[in-house]
Each structure stands twice: as structure tokens, then as C-alpha cells.
């Protein structure tokens, strides 16, 4: 009975929210306050049989162009814009992949989500497939001539393995295990003002490189952060020389099926399952942190996908969830899988070297990077910020 009541209430609130959004858009249009549209493409992933990509159409209020700033008030203003994004539902988007083309329409939150069969247009050599998209119609918003490119990661034939990594407190310091600290970091920093965690750039770069070059082995990022932060994360990775890859984030908000964001474990487990199902010929290294439930989720993955997890590395950022860590160690030991639970990636790098996934020179680079950041983290933190 309680479940039925909750679902009914969710539907009613979702309907009311949509009705209110529609009236707001109508009022802003009459007042001449509607901004031109912009396309946000997200990095997708797939195979020669199926490519998945996603994006969003929103009003352009400058939050995507906002790059670097030391100003707390400036960052707060653009963070508010990012989380209160004005989506454009019903926008028509045309897509082109080689000889193929089609159209799609954005949903109530402005998202488009497409899966296509590439056929003969699939590039078997390159690690990226490129789908060009253009705005056909933006409904109530102004639709300037607008094009974008959706990049889709596909493993090279030479790929030996894949890496699945968390984001918050795994590659970027956010304090996600502490609600107040996390939101203080999220709202007050631009991409360039966020702190990379020691060893990330060197180790991820070394793991991604193989016989076919620096993008031989794919890296996928699975996080409970909302899609509103996708472009910020992507820029952070580019600034810090961390390999780019698909980011499987969460829908932020209420709809007919869930209250707001839903659960951390359910989302992350489903996304990891999706990646491993899409790429059945790859085994994976899993990297996360102890602040949330990564250890427990990864233990589930080991049990469900026997023989496909090569190693698990957990940053012990909060010294919490000890029961999850102990379960992970027990499950991994039974499966003969190496595990490292440490404050940085030193032990993880040593394991990767012993296993032959990276070489001694790459291992030294990881150790040097860790030492440099730990000695002078403020200089490292602000090296990209232009004021």
C-alpha cells in the first residue's frame, strides 16, 4: 500500500512540476527572457554492433563556457546556473554517422538518448566513433545554427583490459563522504580549482596505454554525481592529463520512477553491469574509494562476473565502511584477485607493475607524481587557474 501511495504521489508531483515548467517557459518567452539553445554532448560507448550516445539541449546562460576563477561568488553563481539548468524539451536534433542519419527529440528534461547500429560506418581502427549532431528546432527557445560532436568510445582490437573508475574522491578530491564538505567543494570550485588526487594522472595514463598507443585500453567513469557536472568533469580530466572516457552519471531530479537521484549502489552497480555486458571480451580493473559503498559494490561485481575482475584499488579517504572493505578483501582473496586499500595509488601502481600491466618507468612516474603533489599540493591545485 505504501509503495502504491509513494508512486501515486511521485506521478502527481512530476506532473505538477512539468506543468509549472511549461508555464515558466511561456512567461519567459513573452517577456523576451528565453536564451538561445546550446547542445551538451556527452561521451558515449559501444561496439561495432551498437553505439550509445547521449546529450542535452538547454538554454545557454554561460555555465558551460565558465572555465576558471578564484572568485567564490563567481563560482557560486555559475554552480547555481548549472544545477538550475533550463532544459528545452521537444527540441529536434539531427544526427549523422558516415552514410547514416536520423533525428531525435529531447525528453521532458532536455535529454536525448540514442542507440544506433553503425554497420559499415564503424571505424575498426580508431578508439573513437564520431556522431555529428545539429539543432533542427528548439521549440520556444531561439535555435541558432548549432552543431556538436558526440564522441563514442569503442575498444581497439589491441585492448588488453578496461578500467572502471569512480570520480568523487577517487580522481578528484570532493569529500563526498561528508555531505557539507562535499557540497562546499562542489559549489565553490571551477574545474581548474578542483584538486586531483595524487598519482591519478600517471597511473591512469599508463594503464590506458598499450601496443596501439595511449588510448589502447578504455577507461570508463561511473559516478553518482549528476549529469549537470559532466562537462566540468571532462574539463577537469583534460586539464590534469587524465584519460577521457565515457562518464555514466545520474539523472538529478524527480520523475515517475524515483525520488530525486535514487540510490548510489543501485546506479553504480547497474552502470558497471552495462559496461561489462557491452564489452564481454574485456576484463577490468576497478578503482574507487572507501567514502561510500564502492568496496561492497565491487565485491558484488567479483561474485557476479567470475574471472573478469583483474584487481581492485580503493582509496581509503575516510577510514569508514570497514565492513565493506573486509568483505571485499575476503571475496577478492577467494577469487585470487589483488586488492590495495591505501591513501594513495602507490600500492596500486606496484601491483600493476608486478602484474605486467605497466612498466617500471611508468611506476616511477606514479611515485614521482605522488611525491610532487604531497609536497606542494597548493601549487599543483592552482596551476591551471587564470584568475
Protein backbone atom coordinates (compact mmCIF):
# COMPACT_ATOMS: atom_id res chain seq x y z
CA UNK A 1 0.00 0.00 0.00
CA UNK A 2 2.83 2.36 0.97
CA UNK A 3 4.61 1.67 -2.29
CA UNK A 4 1.47 2.43 -4.34
CA UNK A 5 0.91 5.65 -2.41
CA UNK A 6 4.53 6.73 -2.99
CA UNK A 7 4.30 6.00 -6.73
CA UNK A 8 0.99 7.91 -6.98
CA UNK A 9 2.45 10.91 -5.15
CA UNK A 10 5.56 10.85 -7.34
CA UNK A 11 3.46 10.88 -10.51
CA UNK A 12 1.36 13.79 -9.23
CA UNK A 13 4.41 15.86 -8.25
CA UNK A 14 6.13 15.05 -11.55
CA UNK A 15 3.05 16.16 -13.46
CA UNK A 16 2.77 19.38 -11.43
CA UNK A 17 6.47 20.11 -11.93
CA UNK A 18 6.14 19.66 -15.69
CA UNK A 19 3.05 21.87 -15.78
CA UNK A 20 4.83 24.59 -13.80
CA UNK A 21 7.93 24.40 -16.04
CA UNK A 22 5.74 24.80 -19.11
CA UNK A 23 4.12 27.97 -17.70
CA UNK A 24 7.52 29.37 -16.67
CA UNK A 25 8.87 28.87 -20.20
CA UNK A 26 5.76 30.52 -21.67
CA UNK A 27 6.11 33.53 -19.35
CA UNK A 28 9.84 33.93 -20.07
CA UNK A 29 9.13 33.73 -23.80
CA UNK A 30 6.52 36.50 -23.57
CA UNK A 31 8.95 38.65 -21.58
CA UNK A 32 11.79 38.01 -24.03
CA UNK A 33 13.91 36.23 -21.39
CA UNK A 34 14.47 32.92 -23.22
CA UNK A 35 18.16 32.40 -24.03
CA UNK A 36 19.47 30.76 -27.22
CA UNK A 37 19.79 26.98 -27.13
CA UNK A 38 23.03 25.06 -26.69
CA UNK A 39 23.78 21.34 -27.21
CA UNK A 40 25.68 19.48 -24.50
CA UNK A 41 27.11 16.25 -25.96
CA UNK A 42 28.22 13.53 -23.52
CA UNK A 43 30.81 10.83 -24.22
CA UNK A 44 29.15 7.54 -25.17
CA UNK A 45 30.43 3.99 -25.62
CA UNK A 46 29.69 0.92 -27.69
CA UNK A 47 30.85 -1.71 -30.16
CA UNK A 48 30.80 -2.42 -33.88
CA UNK A 49 27.22 -3.67 -33.41
CA UNK A 50 25.78 -0.90 -31.25
CA UNK A 51 26.72 2.65 -30.33
CA UNK A 52 25.11 4.56 -27.46
CA UNK A 53 25.36 8.30 -27.02
CA UNK A 54 23.59 10.94 -25.00
CA UNK A 55 23.33 14.71 -24.73
CA UNK A 56 21.16 17.55 -23.60
CA UNK A 57 19.68 20.74 -25.04
CA UNK A 58 19.46 23.64 -22.60
CA UNK A 59 19.31 27.43 -22.68
CA UNK A 60 22.77 28.94 -22.83
CA UNK A 61 23.28 31.01 -19.68
CA UNK A 62 27.07 30.83 -19.79
CA UNK A 63 27.60 27.98 -17.32
CA UNK A 64 29.24 25.74 -19.92
CA UNK A 65 31.66 28.45 -21.09
CA UNK A 66 32.63 29.32 -17.49
CA UNK A 67 36.12 27.91 -17.05
CA UNK A 68 38.47 29.15 -14.36
CA UNK A 69 38.02 31.54 -11.46
CA UNK A 70 39.41 32.18 -7.98
CA UNK A 71 36.23 34.07 -7.10
CA UNK A 72 33.94 32.22 -4.71
CA UNK A 73 30.94 34.36 -5.68
CA UNK A 74 31.54 33.77 -9.40
CA UNK A 75 31.77 30.03 -8.90
CA UNK A 76 28.67 30.02 -6.71
CA UNK A 77 26.72 31.92 -9.36
CA UNK A 78 27.67 29.52 -12.14
CA UNK A 79 27.10 26.47 -9.93
CA UNK A 80 23.58 27.70 -9.29
CA UNK A 81 23.05 28.08 -13.04
CA UNK A 82 24.43 24.58 -13.62
CA UNK A 83 22.02 22.97 -11.16
CA UNK A 84 19.06 25.12 -12.20
CA UNK A 85 19.67 24.49 -15.90
CA UNK A 86 16.80 25.47 -18.17
CA UNK A 87 16.20 22.38 -20.23
CA UNK A 88 14.49 22.50 -23.61
CA UNK A 89 12.03 19.61 -24.05
CA UNK A 90 10.80 18.63 -27.51
CA UNK A 91 13.88 20.00 -29.31
CA UNK A 92 14.63 18.21 -32.58
CA UNK A 93 18.19 17.07 -33.16
CA UNK A 94 19.56 15.64 -36.41
CA UNK A 95 22.46 13.17 -36.27
CA UNK A 96 24.91 11.87 -38.87
CA UNK A 97 27.33 8.95 -38.76
CA UNK A 98 29.06 8.38 -42.08
CA UNK A 99 26.36 7.43 -44.58
CA UNK A 100 23.65 7.19 -41.90
CA UNK A 101 21.46 9.93 -40.50
CA UNK A 102 18.35 10.40 -38.41
CA UNK A 103 16.54 12.63 -35.95
CA UNK A 104 15.74 12.51 -32.26
CA UNK A 105 13.63 14.57 -29.85
CA UNK A 106 14.61 15.66 -26.35
CA UNK A 107 12.58 14.44 -23.38
CA UNK A 108 10.99 16.49 -20.57
CA UNK A 109 14.42 17.22 -19.07
CA UNK A 110 16.02 18.16 -22.38
CA UNK A 111 17.94 14.90 -22.81
CA UNK A 112 18.36 12.88 -25.98
CA UNK A 113 19.45 9.25 -25.62
CA UNK A 114 20.15 7.21 -28.75
CA UNK A 115 21.43 3.75 -29.69
CA UNK A 116 22.32 3.08 -33.32
CA UNK A 117 23.86 0.24 -35.34
CA UNK A 118 26.97 1.66 -37.09
CA UNK A 119 27.20 -1.06 -39.75
CA UNK A 120 29.79 -0.22 -42.43
CA UNK A 121 30.32 3.22 -40.92
CA UNK A 122 32.15 1.73 -37.93
CA UNK A 123 35.84 2.68 -37.68
CA UNK A 124 37.56 -0.53 -36.59
CA UNK A 125 40.95 1.12 -36.03
CA UNK A 126 40.15 4.29 -34.13
CA UNK A 127 39.20 4.25 -30.46
CA UNK A 128 36.51 6.88 -31.12
CA UNK A 129 33.41 6.93 -33.28
CA UNK A 130 32.09 10.41 -34.03
CA UNK A 131 28.42 11.25 -34.45
CA UNK A 132 27.74 14.80 -35.63
CA UNK A 133 24.57 16.39 -34.31
CA UNK A 134 22.81 19.64 -35.24
CA UNK A 135 19.88 21.55 -33.83
CA UNK A 136 16.84 21.47 -36.13
CA UNK A 137 14.28 23.09 -33.86
CA UNK A 138 14.45 24.30 -30.25
CA UNK A 139 10.76 24.85 -29.57
CA UNK A 140 10.28 28.03 -27.53
CA UNK A 141 13.99 28.90 -27.49
CA UNK A 142 15.98 30.59 -30.21
CA UNK A 143 17.65 27.97 -32.41
CA UNK A 144 20.84 29.42 -33.88
CA UNK A 145 22.83 27.34 -36.42
CA UNK A 146 24.27 24.88 -33.96
CA UNK A 147 26.40 21.76 -34.37
CA UNK A 148 28.21 19.48 -31.95
CA UNK A 149 30.01 16.16 -31.97
CA UNK A 150 29.15 13.19 -29.78
CA UNK A 151 32.26 11.08 -29.22
CA UNK A 152 31.74 7.38 -28.61
CA UNK A 153 34.46 5.18 -27.07
CA UNK A 154 34.97 1.76 -28.61
CA UNK A 155 37.84 -0.56 -27.60
CA UNK A 156 40.70 -1.00 -30.04
CA UNK A 157 41.26 -4.59 -31.23
CA UNK A 158 44.56 -4.50 -29.29
CA UNK A 159 42.88 -3.61 -25.97
CA UNK A 160 44.04 -5.94 -23.19
CA UNK A 161 41.65 -4.78 -20.46
CA UNK A 162 39.44 -1.90 -19.34
CA UNK A 163 39.43 0.36 -16.30
CA UNK A 164 36.23 1.30 -14.44
CA UNK A 165 36.73 4.19 -12.05
CA UNK A 166 34.69 6.26 -9.65
CA UNK A 167 35.17 10.07 -9.80
CA UNK A 168 34.44 11.76 -6.45
CA UNK A 169 37.32 11.12 -4.00
CA UNK A 170 38.84 8.65 -6.44
CA UNK A 171 40.34 11.02 -9.01
CA UNK A 172 39.13 14.40 -7.69
CA UNK A 173 39.06 15.44 -4.05
CA UNK A 174 35.49 16.34 -3.09
CA UNK A 175 34.77 14.90 0.37
CA UNK A 176 31.69 13.07 -0.96
CA UNK A 177 31.58 11.02 2.26
CA UNK A 178 30.87 14.26 4.19
CA UNK A 179 27.74 15.98 2.89
CA UNK A 180 28.62 19.54 3.99
CA UNK A 181 32.25 19.29 2.89
CA UNK A 182 31.24 17.78 -0.45
CA UNK A 183 28.75 20.49 -1.32
CA UNK A 184 31.15 23.21 -0.21
CA UNK A 185 33.65 21.83 -2.71
CA UNK A 186 31.07 21.32 -5.47
CA UNK A 187 29.59 24.80 -5.33
CA UNK A 188 32.75 26.82 -4.73
CA UNK A 189 35.22 25.46 -7.30
CA UNK A 190 35.53 25.56 -11.06
CA UNK A 191 37.07 22.66 -12.99
CA UNK A 192 40.54 24.16 -12.69
CA UNK A 193 40.16 24.82 -8.97
CA UNK A 194 39.48 21.20 -8.07
CA UNK A 195 42.24 19.09 -6.60
CA UNK A 196 43.42 15.98 -8.41
CA UNK A 197 44.28 13.10 -6.09
CA UNK A 198 47.95 12.01 -6.11
CA UNK A 199 49.05 9.50 -8.75
CA UNK A 200 45.85 9.57 -10.79
CA UNK A 201 47.21 11.11 -13.98
CA UNK A 202 50.32 8.95 -14.19
CA UNK A 203 48.66 5.64 -13.30
CA UNK A 204 45.54 6.06 -15.44
CA UNK A 205 47.66 7.19 -18.40
CA UNK A 206 49.97 4.19 -18.01
CA UNK A 207 47.06 1.74 -17.75
CA UNK A 208 45.32 3.22 -20.80
CA UNK A 209 48.42 2.91 -22.97
CA UNK A 210 49.13 -0.29 -24.86
CA UNK A 211 50.52 -1.59 -28.11
CA UNK A 212 48.17 0.62 -30.16
CA UNK A 213 49.07 3.86 -28.38
CA UNK A 214 47.87 5.99 -25.46
CA UNK A 215 44.18 5.06 -25.85
CA UNK A 216 44.54 1.31 -26.29
CA UNK A 217 42.72 0.32 -23.09
CA UNK A 218 39.41 2.14 -22.41
CA UNK A 219 38.67 3.98 -19.17
CA UNK A 220 35.03 4.38 -18.06
CA UNK A 221 33.94 6.62 -15.19
CA UNK A 222 30.90 5.61 -13.15
CA UNK A 223 29.66 8.08 -10.56
CA UNK A 224 26.61 9.10 -8.56
CA UNK A 225 27.24 12.74 -9.43
CA UNK A 226 24.56 14.33 -11.65
CA UNK A 227 24.82 14.87 -15.40
CA UNK A 228 24.88 18.62 -14.65
CA UNK A 229 28.59 18.18 -13.82
CA UNK A 230 29.59 16.18 -16.90
CA UNK A 231 31.30 18.99 -18.80
CA UNK A 232 33.05 20.16 -15.62
CA UNK A 233 34.45 16.67 -15.00
CA UNK A 234 35.51 16.35 -18.63
CA UNK A 235 37.40 19.63 -18.47
CA UNK A 236 39.00 18.63 -15.15
CA UNK A 237 40.31 15.43 -16.73
CA UNK A 238 41.70 17.28 -19.75
CA UNK A 239 43.44 19.86 -17.52
CA UNK A 240 45.02 17.14 -15.40
CA UNK A 241 46.05 14.77 -18.22
CA UNK A 242 43.66 12.05 -17.11
CA UNK A 243 42.44 9.83 -19.99
CA UNK A 244 38.98 10.81 -21.20
CA UNK A 245 36.26 8.20 -21.33
CA UNK A 246 32.52 7.70 -21.03
CA UNK A 247 31.01 9.12 -17.85
CA UNK A 248 27.93 7.29 -16.61
CA UNK A 249 26.38 9.77 -14.21
CA UNK A 250 22.94 10.05 -12.60
CA UNK A 251 19.77 11.87 -13.56
CA UNK A 252 19.31 14.56 -10.93
CA UNK A 253 15.70 15.19 -10.05
CA UNK A 254 12.31 13.60 -9.60
CA UNK A 255 10.45 11.59 -12.20
CA UNK A 256 7.69 8.99 -12.27
CA UNK A 257 10.02 6.16 -11.24
CA UNK A 258 12.23 7.64 -8.50
CA UNK A 259 12.58 10.30 -5.84
CA UNK A 260 15.33 12.68 -6.90
CA UNK A 261 18.65 10.87 -7.55
CA UNK A 262 17.88 7.34 -6.41
CA UNK A 263 20.41 5.13 -4.62
CA UNK A 264 24.21 5.20 -5.00
CA UNK A 265 24.69 1.43 -5.04
CA UNK A 266 21.85 0.70 -7.45
CA UNK A 267 23.04 3.23 -10.01
CA UNK A 268 26.71 2.29 -9.88
CA UNK A 269 26.03 -1.45 -9.96
CA UNK A 270 23.72 -1.11 -12.97
CA UNK A 271 26.20 1.03 -14.89
CA UNK A 272 29.11 -1.35 -14.24
CA UNK A 273 26.90 -4.22 -15.38
CA UNK A 274 26.07 -2.27 -18.53
CA UNK A 275 29.75 -1.69 -19.35
CA UNK A 276 30.78 -5.30 -18.73
CA UNK A 277 27.87 -6.61 -20.77
CA UNK A 278 28.64 -4.25 -23.65
CA UNK A 279 32.32 -5.29 -23.69
CA UNK A 280 32.19 -9.03 -22.83
CA UNK A 281 35.68 -9.72 -24.18
CA UNK A 282 37.39 -7.35 -21.75
CA UNK A 283 38.39 -7.93 -18.15
CA UNK A 284 38.51 -4.93 -15.82
CA UNK A 285 40.46 -3.14 -13.11
CA UNK A 286 38.07 -1.45 -10.65
CA UNK A 287 39.11 1.74 -8.84
CA UNK A 288 37.06 3.53 -6.17
CA UNK A 289 37.16 4.94 -2.65
CA UNK A 290 36.10 3.99 0.85
CA UNK A 291 33.89 7.02 1.43
CA UNK A 292 30.74 5.47 0.00
CA UNK A 293 29.94 1.85 -0.92
CA UNK A 294 32.43 1.18 -3.70
CA UNK A 295 34.09 -1.73 -1.90
CA UNK A 296 30.78 -3.52 -1.38
CA UNK A 297 29.66 -2.86 -4.96
CA UNK A 298 32.96 -4.16 -6.34
CA UNK A 299 32.69 -7.30 -4.20
CA UNK A 300 29.30 -7.92 -5.83
CA UNK A 301 30.88 -7.48 -9.28
CA UNK A 302 33.60 -10.02 -8.47
CA UNK A 303 30.99 -12.58 -7.40
CA UNK A 304 28.72 -11.95 -10.38
CA UNK A 305 31.40 -11.81 -13.09
CA UNK A 306 33.74 -14.64 -12.17
CA UNK A 307 37.18 -14.27 -13.73
CA UNK A 308 36.57 -10.81 -15.21
CA UNK A 309 37.89 -8.56 -12.42
CA UNK A 310 41.68 -8.29 -12.54
CA UNK A 311 42.28 -6.08 -9.49
CA UNK A 312 40.51 -3.65 -7.15
CA UNK A 313 42.08 -0.45 -5.83
CA UNK A 314 40.35 1.56 -3.10
CA UNK A 315 41.46 4.96 -1.85
CA UNK A 316 40.96 4.93 1.92
CA UNK A 317 39.85 8.56 2.07
CA UNK A 318 37.65 8.48 5.15
CA UNK A 319 38.61 5.32 7.07
CA UNK A 320 34.94 4.34 7.16
CA UNK A 321 32.86 1.42 5.89
CA UNK A 322 35.34 -1.07 7.33
CA UNK A 323 32.83 -3.91 6.97
CA UNK A 324 32.63 -3.27 3.21
CA UNK A 325 36.43 -3.27 2.94
CA UNK A 326 36.69 -6.54 4.85
CA UNK A 327 34.06 -8.18 2.67
CA UNK A 328 35.86 -7.02 -0.48
CA UNK A 329 39.18 -8.43 0.74
CA UNK A 330 37.59 -11.76 1.61
CA UNK A 331 35.76 -12.09 -1.73
CA UNK A 332 38.85 -10.98 -3.69
CA UNK A 333 41.16 -13.34 -1.82
CA UNK A 334 38.87 -16.28 -2.57
CA UNK A 335 38.98 -15.34 -6.26
CA UNK A 336 42.75 -14.74 -6.29
CA UNK A 337 42.35 -11.03 -7.13
CA UNK A 338 44.88 -8.46 -5.84
CA UNK A 339 43.44 -5.62 -3.74
CA UNK A 340 45.02 -2.40 -2.49
CA UNK A 341 43.33 -0.21 0.12
CA UNK A 342 45.60 2.79 0.76
CA UNK A 343 45.60 6.60 0.99
CA UNK A 344 47.17 7.00 -2.45
CA UNK A 345 47.89 4.91 -5.54
CA UNK A 346 51.43 3.79 -4.62
CA UNK A 347 50.46 0.23 -3.75
CA UNK A 348 48.12 0.03 -6.75
CA UNK A 349 50.97 1.06 -9.04
CA UNK A 350 53.27 -1.57 -7.53
CA UNK A 351 50.65 -4.27 -8.12
CA UNK A 352 50.17 -3.14 -11.73
CA UNK A 353 53.94 -3.33 -12.26
CA UNK A 354 54.20 -6.84 -10.82
CA UNK A 355 51.30 -7.96 -12.99
CA UNK A 356 52.93 -6.51 -16.11
CA UNK A 357 50.13 -4.01 -16.82
CA UNK A 358 52.57 -1.08 -16.59
CA UNK A 359 56.36 -1.00 -16.71
CA UNK A 360 58.97 0.12 -14.15
CA UNK A 361 59.36 3.55 -15.76
CA UNK A 362 55.62 4.19 -15.56
CA UNK A 363 55.60 3.04 -11.94
CA UNK A 364 58.34 5.56 -11.13
CA UNK A 365 56.27 8.29 -12.78
CA UNK A 366 53.35 7.46 -10.48
CA UNK A 367 55.58 7.64 -7.40
CA UNK A 368 57.11 10.95 -8.54
CA UNK A 369 53.67 12.47 -9.15
CA UNK A 370 52.51 11.41 -5.69
CA UNK A 371 55.58 12.96 -4.07
CA UNK A 372 55.24 16.22 -6.03
CA UNK A 373 51.59 16.71 -5.15
CA UNK A 374 52.04 15.79 -1.48
CA UNK A 375 54.98 18.20 -1.13
CA UNK A 376 53.22 21.14 -2.77
CA UNK A 377 49.54 20.42 -3.29
CA UNK A 378 48.55 24.11 -3.38
CA UNK A 379 50.86 24.82 -6.32
CA UNK A 380 49.52 21.74 -8.10
CA UNK A 381 45.92 22.68 -7.31
CA UNK A 382 46.09 26.15 -8.82
CA UNK A 383 48.47 25.61 -11.72
CA UNK A 384 45.63 25.95 -14.25
CA UNK A 385 43.64 28.81 -12.71
CA UNK A 386 43.98 32.04 -14.63
CA UNK A 387 42.03 34.22 -12.19
